[in-house]
Amino acid sequence: MSNHGSNDAPPSYYTHQMSSNPSAFSPSSYNTVPPFETSKVEPLQQQPMGMQQMGMQPMGMQPMGMQFMGMQPTGEVQMQPLPVANLAPVPAYAQALPMSGGLPQQPMHLPSTAGLGSVGQANEANSINSDGPPMVLVEKSSKHALRFKNFQDLKAGRPVVAEFSGNHDGQGLGRQYAEQRNFQEWRYTESALGNAVPITIQLEDGFLVVMDTRTSERELCFDVSFWKYEAGNTVNFVGGNNESRTKLVGGGRSWLVNNDGTISCQAAPHLVLGVGVEINAHDLNGCWQCSCFPCGCALFSIKATSHDNYDECGIFLWFFTMPLIYGKKRRRTRKGANSFVNVKDANDNAEFTSAKTFKPSPCLSGGKC
């Protein structure tokens, strides 16, 4: 499944302001059509057989379609002015709740209207927030809970753009990268908040479907990482090798849209979708222990060298019997993430959901001593 991390420290978004000065189209003049001439129309008795079926009329009558063209029998043309398009100005975005590390300062996407009018705007290429924080589970009372702007349309089963209101107004939900990656039988893309074009989602029988993946026949749904229902665990977009595997019932892919705009995990209603918050590496300082079945267990210490870097040293019991002493340096993989990679081995990645706990996985358990 996905390599899918957070404490409740305040987040840090940049302020995004948008302004627009649309101009309306207003025609100033039109060409004049020559007067209609009826002198060339033959009398009725001279009309060939079938002319009525061809749309021709007897002398003295207006030819078919004449009034639809705005023309009069007097020869004077009556033109109706075209309606003027009135474009509403784009509202400025409100300042979002600050988050440590922040989001890239890029132009914000234009705000969309609720419901069907926004379908089809996002795709796998233009919804990338490579430096944005992930979507995670948080307590429903948390200031980091996400409130979806178009939640009423979402509850009604209509496709909506994943934009937020409240503390995260002006932000949208996108993806960290364009491609779908693989883990065992699963396809996945990791979530990321930011200012790219937000994805369009739809609630179907409790599943939150990413709509632009449906058109490519590679459908993805919202999924709690490894179905571990705890605050700070990431929520990404996951699919199987067929529809029945993509839409697994009764676990971390079943959701409930609440009346306050939050979205709860059905398996743990006290947890809702929220925004991940960077953990300061200094908050990780101390003694840690972990167990990774069947490889072994470790006891180690962390000492931060900066907000985004720390040194790790300890002892690892290989297969729980052979002691190995080790040391390594780690750095944060990207802004907004709580994963720290070994600077000498890109495949050695440590992920945290808080300053005291690791990000869960099928085989890893442990935390701060």
Foldseek 3Di string as FASTA:
>chain_A
DDPAFADQDWAAAFFAWDWDDDDKDFDDDDDFDWFDDQVPFDAPVPDDPPVVVVQQDGGPDDTPCQVVQQHDNVRGRDDDGDDMDDDDIQHIWDGATGFPLYFDPDHFDGDDDWFDVPPPPDALAQQARQFFAFKWKDFPPRPFFWFAPRLVCQQVFTKTFAATDDRRTRKAKGFNHRAWDDDVQKTWTTIGMDRTRGFIWHADQQWTWRPNCVVVVNIWTWFFAVQDPDFLTGITTMAGPDDCRRDPPDTRRGWDQDPRRWIARPVDRSITIGTHGQDFQQLLFAWKKKAFPQQFIWIWGWDAPGRFKIKIWTWTDGSNNRIDTDIFIWGHPHHNAQKTATPVDRVRIWHYSYSFFTHDDPGMGITHD
